[in-house]
Amino acid sequence: MGNRYEKSFLDIASKFDAVSSSCGKISQCANTIVETKDAEAICYIVNSISSIISNSEYGKEIKTLAKLLNDSLLEYCGYEYVKNACGEKKECKEDKRTIQELLDELNELVGLDNVKHQVEDLIAYQTVQKLRRQRGFSNTKNTLHMAFTGNPGTGKTTVARIVGYIYKQIGLLSKGHFTEVSRTDLIAGYQGQTALKVKKVIEEAKGGVLFIDEAYSITENDHSDSYGRECLTELTKALEDYRDDLVVIVAGYTEPMKLFFQSNPGLKSRFNIFLEFDDYSAEQLIQILESLCKKNDYQLDEELKDYIEEYFIHEITLKNEHFANGRLARNIYDDLVMNHARRIYKIENPTDIELTILLKADFNREKYFNETDNGVGSEIE
């Protein structure tokens, strides 16, 4: 896995170098990071990415590449390592929203009906159990740790954040902050160091939610990865030791997560809540797209709406490993807005309607439809 992340990181850094004005500096820093994990080199790349993403003068293509480089850097080095290297402060920003406001945010998410009902039941149960404890009645304090399973782009991280804030509001967590980590944040390069690394992450996450996406990557080399086993042993212990003020949420694809729980005899028993996040339907993807448009004062022309819905149906029918659920809707929104800008830029004194309406002409058909795919693309021309 490390070699794959390393190769991807170096490849993207090289591509980013070619379209930016860094004159080879990005590639140089990337190679330095691979060799020594140098903090200064990490900060240079992070600052370069930030300056491009925040600058409106740069086009979508280079910004997309900058985001890819950012994701690749985090995958290779680990979020916590990059954060520490750049000296980011660890103070937790307090979320002052009420429980009802947080529930409203949860309910505003498209779909996820099963997840919403289970989260609301969970909140009701934990609130009543806390009240019973305060009144001196007998109660069972179950573990708060959760497992979220489902495909990418189905809202797992968003729901995890909301749960953390809600648990803080009902007094189950002292801070309610959210810490997201990957395999590289938990596993060290030397025998015996992984346990210390896991303990450090746990210590920083105490009082809040520790979110481990693609948790099965910890045990991906099941027969030879002693580091992964060391990590899992320490993590399993922490799940029990800190259950009173820590929620650990592990997430990932459904089938690999089943293998993950089989990798350690005591692991599954530490988790009490298992939530399955279903894929979105074409209608729900349209709702996500329309919600993004509404928030930013755009609206879909009816012809465009019908056209994109047909495309969503097409993608759901194929549904290969690259199907991105809600991320697909967000990517299409970004493309629509950029193509709309290119079109409107050529109009002198555009009207308010022209500035807000997204048309079929703004949908990049060549990018999204495969002409050779059984003629589907041409059928909905």
Protein backbone atom coordinates (compact mmCIF):
# COMPACT_ATOMS: atom_id res chain seq x y z
CA MET A 1 0.00 0.00 0.00
CA GLY A 2 2.81 2.39 0.94
CA ASN A 3 4.50 1.94 -2.44
CA ARG A 4 1.23 2.59 -4.25
CA TYR A 5 0.64 5.79 -2.30
CA GLU A 6 4.25 6.84 -2.87
CA LYS A 7 4.07 6.34 -6.64
CA SER A 8 0.73 8.14 -6.88
CA PHE A 9 2.04 11.05 -4.79
CA LEU A 10 5.17 11.47 -6.95
CA ASP A 11 3.20 11.18 -10.21
CA ILE A 12 0.63 13.82 -9.18
CA ALA A 13 3.36 16.11 -7.86
CA SER A 14 5.12 15.90 -11.24
CA LYS A 15 1.90 16.72 -13.11
CA PHE A 16 1.19 19.61 -10.77
CA ASP A 17 4.71 20.92 -11.34
CA ALA A 18 4.13 20.92 -15.09
CA VAL A 19 1.09 23.22 -14.91
CA SER A 20 2.17 25.45 -12.01
CA SER A 21 4.91 28.05 -11.80
CA SER A 22 7.02 26.20 -9.22
CA CYS A 23 9.82 25.47 -11.73
CA GLY A 24 10.46 21.97 -10.41
CA LYS A 25 10.22 22.89 -6.71
CA ILE A 26 7.10 20.77 -6.11
CA SER A 27 8.72 17.63 -7.53
CA GLN A 28 11.86 18.34 -5.55
CA CYS A 29 9.87 18.68 -2.32
CA ALA A 30 7.89 15.54 -3.10
CA ASN A 31 11.08 13.52 -3.49
CA THR A 32 12.42 14.99 -0.25
CA ILE A 33 9.23 13.99 1.54
CA VAL A 34 9.52 10.42 0.24
CA GLU A 35 13.13 10.25 1.39
CA THR A 36 12.92 11.97 4.80
CA LYS A 37 9.32 13.11 5.53
CA ASP A 38 10.84 16.63 5.79
CA ALA A 39 8.42 19.05 7.52
CA GLU A 40 9.63 22.08 5.54
CA ALA A 41 9.00 20.30 2.24
CA ILE A 42 5.52 19.27 3.40
CA CYS A 43 4.69 22.86 4.38
CA TYR A 44 5.91 24.18 1.03
CA ILE A 45 3.56 21.84 -0.86
CA VAL A 46 0.64 22.55 1.49
CA ASN A 47 1.10 26.32 1.11
CA SER A 48 1.41 26.01 -2.69
CA ILE A 49 -1.82 24.02 -2.82
CA SER A 50 -3.61 26.51 -0.57
CA SER A 51 -2.50 29.55 -2.58
CA ILE A 52 -3.79 28.05 -5.83
CA ILE A 53 -7.12 26.79 -4.47
CA SER A 54 -7.89 30.17 -2.82
CA ASN A 55 -6.89 32.25 -5.87
CA SER A 56 -9.76 32.97 -8.28
CA GLU A 57 -7.30 33.66 -11.10
CA TYR A 58 -6.46 29.96 -11.44
CA GLY A 59 -8.64 27.70 -13.61
CA LYS A 60 -10.59 24.62 -12.57
CA GLU A 61 -8.07 22.20 -14.07
CA ILE A 62 -5.12 23.31 -11.95
CA LYS A 63 -7.34 23.60 -8.85
CA THR A 64 -8.55 20.04 -9.38
CA LEU A 65 -4.96 18.88 -9.68
CA ALA A 66 -4.07 20.83 -6.52
CA LYS A 67 -6.84 19.03 -4.61
CA LEU A 68 -5.63 15.68 -5.96
CA LEU A 69 -2.11 16.51 -4.77
CA ASN A 70 -3.47 17.46 -1.36
CA ASP A 71 -5.38 14.17 -1.06
CA SER A 72 -2.35 12.19 -2.23
CA LEU A 73 -0.07 13.93 0.29
CA LEU A 74 -2.51 13.09 3.11
CA GLU A 75 -2.75 9.48 1.94
CA TYR A 76 1.01 9.10 1.80
CA CYS A 77 2.04 10.96 4.97
CA GLY A 78 -1.15 10.75 7.03
CA TYR A 79 -3.35 13.61 8.14
CA GLU A 80 -1.91 13.89 11.65
CA TYR A 81 1.68 13.95 10.38
CA VAL A 82 0.95 16.71 7.85
CA LYS A 83 -0.96 18.71 10.46
CA ASN A 84 1.89 18.44 12.96
CA ALA A 85 4.52 19.23 10.32
CA CYS A 86 2.73 22.45 9.43
CA GLY A 87 2.27 23.43 13.05
CA GLU A 88 -1.52 23.49 12.97
CA LYS A 89 -2.98 24.33 16.36
CA LYS A 90 -4.93 21.55 18.02
CA GLU A 91 -7.44 23.61 19.96
CA CYS A 92 -10.96 22.32 19.44
CA LYS A 93 -13.38 24.85 18.06
CA GLU A 94 -16.53 24.59 20.11
CA ASP A 95 -19.73 23.89 18.21
CA LYS A 96 -22.53 25.83 19.88
CA ARG A 97 -25.45 24.49 17.84
CA THR A 98 -28.37 22.99 19.77
CA ILE A 99 -29.36 19.34 19.49
CA GLN A 100 -32.35 20.35 17.38
CA GLU A 101 -30.15 22.36 15.01
CA LEU A 102 -27.83 19.38 14.63
CA LEU A 103 -30.78 17.04 14.04
CA ASP A 104 -32.11 19.48 11.45
CA GLU A 105 -28.75 19.33 9.68
CA LEU A 106 -28.91 15.54 9.77
CA ASN A 107 -32.44 15.49 8.39
CA GLU A 108 -31.55 17.93 5.62
CA LEU A 109 -29.18 15.35 4.17
CA VAL A 110 -30.66 13.67 1.11
CA GLY A 111 -31.70 10.05 1.59
CA LEU A 112 -30.15 8.03 4.44
CA ASP A 113 -33.60 7.42 5.99
CA ASN A 114 -32.46 4.24 7.75
CA VAL A 115 -29.37 5.98 9.14
CA LYS A 116 -31.36 9.01 10.33
CA HIS A 117 -33.88 6.84 12.20
CA GLN A 118 -31.14 4.84 13.90
CA VAL A 119 -29.21 7.97 14.92
CA GLU A 120 -32.38 9.55 16.35
CA ASP A 121 -33.17 6.34 18.27
CA LEU A 122 -29.60 6.27 19.54
CA ILE A 123 -29.82 9.85 20.79
CA ALA A 124 -33.13 9.15 22.53
CA TYR A 125 -31.73 6.03 24.19
CA GLN A 126 -28.49 7.65 25.37
CA THR A 127 -30.32 10.74 26.67
CA VAL A 128 -32.74 8.66 28.73
CA GLN A 129 -29.96 6.40 30.04
CA LYS A 130 -28.00 9.44 31.18
CA LEU A 131 -31.08 10.80 32.96
CA ARG A 132 -31.64 7.41 34.66
CA ARG A 133 -28.04 7.41 35.90
CA GLN A 134 -28.50 10.90 37.32
CA ARG A 135 -31.64 9.76 39.17
CA GLY A 136 -29.91 6.68 40.58
CA PHE A 137 -31.82 4.08 38.54
CA SER A 138 -30.25 0.92 37.18
CA ASN A 139 -29.13 1.19 33.56
CA THR A 140 -26.78 -0.41 31.10
CA LYS A 141 -24.10 1.87 29.71
CA ASN A 142 -23.39 0.40 26.31
CA THR A 143 -20.34 1.25 24.26
CA LEU A 144 -20.74 4.23 21.93
CA HIS A 145 -18.38 2.94 19.22
CA MET A 146 -19.86 2.57 15.73
CA ALA A 147 -19.20 0.96 12.36
CA PHE A 148 -20.37 2.71 9.19
CA THR A 149 -20.44 0.55 6.06
CA GLY A 150 -21.26 1.45 2.48
CA ASN A 151 -19.78 2.88 -0.69
CA PRO A 152 -17.88 6.20 -0.97
CA GLY A 153 -19.86 9.43 -1.21
CA THR A 154 -22.80 8.23 0.90
CA GLY A 155 -22.36 10.70 3.77
CA LYS A 156 -20.47 8.59 6.34
CA THR A 157 -18.00 11.31 7.35
CA THR A 158 -20.72 13.99 7.51
CA VAL A 159 -22.92 11.85 9.76
CA ALA A 160 -19.92 10.98 11.97
CA ARG A 161 -19.24 14.69 12.57
CA ILE A 162 -22.87 15.39 13.45
CA VAL A 163 -22.98 12.44 15.87
CA GLY A 164 -19.88 13.76 17.64
CA TYR A 165 -21.39 17.21 18.13
CA ILE A 166 -24.73 15.75 19.31
CA TYR A 167 -22.98 13.50 21.85
CA LYS A 168 -21.20 16.57 23.17
CA GLN A 169 -24.52 18.41 23.56
CA ILE A 170 -26.15 15.59 25.54
CA GLY A 171 -23.09 15.29 27.77
CA LEU A 172 -21.68 11.96 26.59
CA LEU A 173 -18.44 13.50 25.29
CA SER A 174 -16.44 16.24 26.99
CA LYS A 175 -15.30 17.99 23.78
CA GLY A 176 -17.14 16.58 20.77
CA HIS A 177 -14.27 17.34 18.38
CA PHE A 178 -13.65 15.24 15.27
CA THR A 179 -10.35 13.53 14.44
CA GLU A 180 -10.00 11.69 11.13
CA VAL A 181 -7.09 9.30 10.62
CA SER A 182 -5.90 6.69 8.14
CA ARG A 183 -3.53 3.73 8.31
CA THR A 184 -0.47 5.96 7.97
CA ASP A 185 -1.52 7.97 11.05
CA LEU A 186 -1.68 4.81 13.15
CA ILE A 187 1.15 2.60 11.93
CA ALA A 188 4.86 3.36 12.37
CA GLY A 189 7.79 2.07 10.35
CA TYR A 190 9.49 0.24 13.22
CA GLN A 191 8.43 -2.63 15.43
CA GLY A 192 7.16 -1.41 18.79
CA GLN A 193 6.57 2.17 17.63
CA THR A 194 3.05 1.58 16.31
CA ALA A 195 1.58 1.15 19.79
CA LEU A 196 3.03 4.51 20.80
CA LYS A 197 1.64 6.12 17.65
CA VAL A 198 -1.84 4.71 18.30
CA LYS A 199 -1.72 5.90 21.93
CA LYS A 200 -0.84 9.43 20.75
CA VAL A 201 -3.78 9.50 18.33
CA ILE A 202 -6.14 8.16 20.99
CA GLU A 203 -4.94 10.77 23.50
CA GLU A 204 -5.63 13.59 21.04
CA ALA A 205 -9.07 12.18 20.14
CA LYS A 206 -10.25 11.65 23.74
CA GLY A 207 -13.38 13.64 24.48
CA GLY A 208 -14.51 13.45 20.85
CA VAL A 209 -14.90 11.22 17.81
CA LEU A 210 -12.05 9.28 16.21
CA PHE A 211 -13.02 8.46 12.63
CA ILE A 212 -11.02 5.75 10.82
CA ASP A 213 -12.00 5.56 7.16
CA GLU A 214 -11.12 2.42 5.19
CA ALA A 215 -10.35 0.81 8.54
CA TYR A 216 -9.61 -2.54 6.86
CA SER A 217 -6.41 -1.02 5.45
CA ILE A 218 -4.95 -1.56 8.94
CA THR A 219 -5.06 -5.31 8.38
CA GLU A 220 -4.74 -5.44 4.60
CA ASN A 221 -1.55 -7.54 4.71
CA ASP A 222 -3.12 -10.05 7.06
CA HIS A 223 -0.40 -12.71 7.00
CA SER A 224 2.71 -10.55 7.04
CA ASP A 225 1.77 -7.19 8.51
CA SER A 226 2.86 -7.37 12.16
CA TYR A 227 2.54 -3.59 12.36
CA GLY A 228 -1.16 -3.85 11.49
CA ARG A 229 -1.71 -6.48 14.17
CA GLU A 230 0.13 -4.33 16.71
CA CYS A 231 -2.08 -1.38 15.78
CA LEU A 232 -5.26 -3.43 16.08
CA THR A 233 -4.25 -4.85 19.46
CA GLU A 234 -3.64 -1.36 20.86
CA LEU A 235 -6.80 0.05 19.25
CA THR A 236 -8.97 -2.79 20.62
CA LYS A 237 -7.63 -2.12 24.11
CA ALA A 238 -8.34 1.63 23.78
CA LEU A 239 -11.92 0.93 22.67
CA GLU A 240 -12.57 -0.55 26.10
CA ASP A 241 -10.32 1.64 28.25
CA TYR A 242 -11.65 4.98 26.99
CA ARG A 243 -15.26 4.06 26.24
CA ASP A 244 -16.56 6.68 28.70
CA ASP A 245 -15.21 9.69 26.78
CA LEU A 246 -14.33 8.53 23.29
CA VAL A 247 -16.34 7.39 20.28
CA VAL A 248 -14.46 5.46 17.63
CA ILE A 249 -16.19 5.17 14.27
CA VAL A 250 -14.69 2.79 11.72
CA ALA A 251 -15.91 3.03 8.14
CA GLY A 252 -15.45 1.48 4.73
CA TYR A 253 -16.84 -0.77 2.02
CA THR A 254 -19.26 -3.38 3.37
CA GLU A 255 -17.48 -6.64 2.42
CA PRO A 256 -13.90 -5.62 3.43
CA MET A 257 -15.30 -4.37 6.75
CA LYS A 258 -16.62 -7.87 7.48
CA LEU A 259 -13.07 -9.20 7.09
CA PHE A 260 -11.77 -6.39 9.27
CA PHE A 261 -13.97 -7.47 12.17
CA GLN A 262 -12.88 -11.07 11.71
CA SER A 263 -9.20 -10.10 12.01
CA ASN A 264 -9.28 -9.78 15.81
CA PRO A 265 -11.45 -11.96 18.10
CA GLY A 266 -12.35 -9.17 20.50
CA LEU A 267 -12.83 -6.37 17.97
CA LYS A 268 -16.46 -6.70 16.92
CA SER A 269 -17.71 -7.00 20.49
CA ARG A 270 -16.34 -3.50 21.18
CA PHE A 271 -18.79 -2.01 18.67
CA ASN A 272 -22.46 -1.71 19.50
CA ILE A 273 -23.86 0.20 16.52
CA PHE A 274 -23.61 -0.88 12.87
CA LEU A 275 -25.04 1.47 10.24
CA GLU A 276 -25.29 0.60 6.56
CA PHE A 277 -25.22 3.59 4.18
CA ASP A 278 -27.16 2.80 1.01
CA ASP A 279 -26.24 4.08 -2.44
CA TYR A 280 -28.23 7.05 -3.71
CA SER A 281 -30.95 6.70 -6.34
CA ALA A 282 -31.01 8.87 -9.47
CA GLU A 283 -33.78 10.97 -7.92
CA GLN A 284 -31.73 11.52 -4.76
CA LEU A 285 -28.65 12.51 -6.75
CA ILE A 286 -30.79 15.11 -8.54
CA GLN A 287 -31.93 16.38 -5.12
CA ILE A 288 -28.30 16.73 -4.03
CA LEU A 289 -27.48 18.62 -7.23
CA GLU A 290 -30.51 20.91 -6.85
CA SER A 291 -29.59 21.57 -3.21
CA LEU A 292 -26.09 22.65 -4.22
CA CYS A 293 -27.58 24.93 -6.87
CA LYS A 294 -30.08 26.47 -4.43
CA LYS A 295 -27.40 27.21 -1.83
CA ASN A 296 -25.39 29.10 -4.44
CA ASP A 297 -28.21 30.91 -6.29
CA TYR A 298 -28.27 28.69 -9.36
CA GLN A 299 -31.11 26.64 -10.80
CA LEU A 300 -31.33 23.79 -13.27
CA ASP A 301 -33.19 24.24 -16.52
CA GLU A 302 -35.82 21.46 -16.81
CA GLU A 303 -34.25 20.07 -19.98
CA LEU A 304 -30.87 19.92 -18.27
CA LYS A 305 -32.42 18.31 -15.19
CA ASP A 306 -34.03 15.54 -17.25
CA TYR A 307 -30.80 15.02 -19.19
CA ILE A 308 -28.66 14.67 -16.06
CA GLU A 309 -31.19 12.37 -14.41
CA GLU A 310 -30.90 10.06 -17.42
CA TYR A 311 -27.15 10.15 -16.95
CA PHE A 312 -27.50 9.24 -13.25
CA ILE A 313 -29.75 6.31 -14.18
CA HIS A 314 -27.11 5.23 -16.68
CA GLU A 315 -24.36 5.36 -14.04
CA ILE A 316 -26.43 3.56 -11.41
CA THR A 317 -27.17 0.79 -13.92
CA LEU A 318 -23.45 0.34 -14.59
CA LYS A 319 -22.37 0.99 -10.98
CA ASN A 320 -18.74 -0.04 -11.20
CA GLU A 321 -16.09 0.51 -8.52
CA HIS A 322 -15.68 4.16 -9.62
CA PHE A 323 -19.31 5.12 -8.90
CA ALA A 324 -19.02 8.07 -6.48
CA ASN A 325 -22.61 8.61 -5.24
CA GLY A 326 -22.94 12.15 -3.81
CA ARG A 327 -19.45 13.09 -4.98
CA LEU A 328 -20.62 12.53 -8.57
CA ALA A 329 -23.39 15.11 -8.09
CA ARG A 330 -20.91 17.57 -6.56
CA ASN A 331 -18.43 17.07 -9.41
CA ILE A 332 -21.15 17.68 -11.98
CA TYR A 333 -22.22 20.83 -10.12
CA ASP A 334 -18.65 22.17 -10.25
CA ASP A 335 -18.45 21.46 -13.98
CA LEU A 336 -21.83 23.03 -14.69
CA VAL A 337 -20.90 26.24 -12.89
CA MET A 338 -17.56 26.49 -14.69
CA ASN A 339 -19.10 25.84 -18.12
CA HIS A 340 -21.88 28.32 -17.34
CA ALA A 341 -19.23 30.94 -16.51
CA ARG A 342 -17.44 30.31 -19.81
CA ARG A 343 -20.72 30.75 -21.68
CA ILE A 344 -21.95 33.84 -19.81
CA TYR A 345 -18.53 35.52 -19.98
CA LYS A 346 -19.12 36.05 -23.71
CA ILE A 347 -22.45 37.83 -23.14
CA GLU A 348 -22.45 41.58 -22.69
CA ASN A 349 -24.62 42.72 -19.78
CA PRO A 350 -26.22 39.33 -18.97
CA THR A 351 -29.63 39.33 -17.27
CA ASP A 352 -30.27 37.96 -13.78
CA ILE A 353 -31.86 34.89 -15.31
CA GLU A 354 -28.85 34.28 -17.54
CA LEU A 355 -26.58 34.59 -14.50
CA THR A 356 -28.50 31.95 -12.55
CA ILE A 357 -29.93 29.40 -15.04
CA LEU A 358 -27.82 26.34 -15.89
CA LEU A 359 -28.63 24.96 -19.34
CA LYS A 360 -28.11 21.70 -21.19
CA ALA A 361 -25.27 23.43 -23.05
CA ASP A 362 -23.40 23.65 -19.72
CA PHE A 363 -23.27 19.87 -19.34
CA ASN A 364 -20.08 18.39 -20.76
CA ARG A 365 -21.57 15.43 -22.61
CA GLU A 366 -18.24 14.20 -23.99
CA LYS A 367 -16.76 14.06 -20.49
CA TYR A 368 -19.56 12.11 -18.88
CA PHE A 369 -20.95 9.84 -21.59
CA ASN A 370 -19.04 7.00 -23.18
CA GLU A 371 -20.20 7.01 -26.78
CA THR A 372 -19.29 3.36 -27.21
CA ASP A 373 -21.24 2.23 -24.18
CA ASN A 374 -24.11 0.53 -26.02
CA GLY A 375 -25.12 3.84 -27.56
CA VAL A 376 -26.58 5.09 -24.29
CA GLY A 377 -24.99 8.49 -24.69
CA SER A 378 -26.44 9.05 -28.15
CA GLU A 379 -29.88 7.84 -27.11
CA ILE A 380 -30.38 10.77 -24.76
CA GLU A 381 -28.82 13.38 -27.00
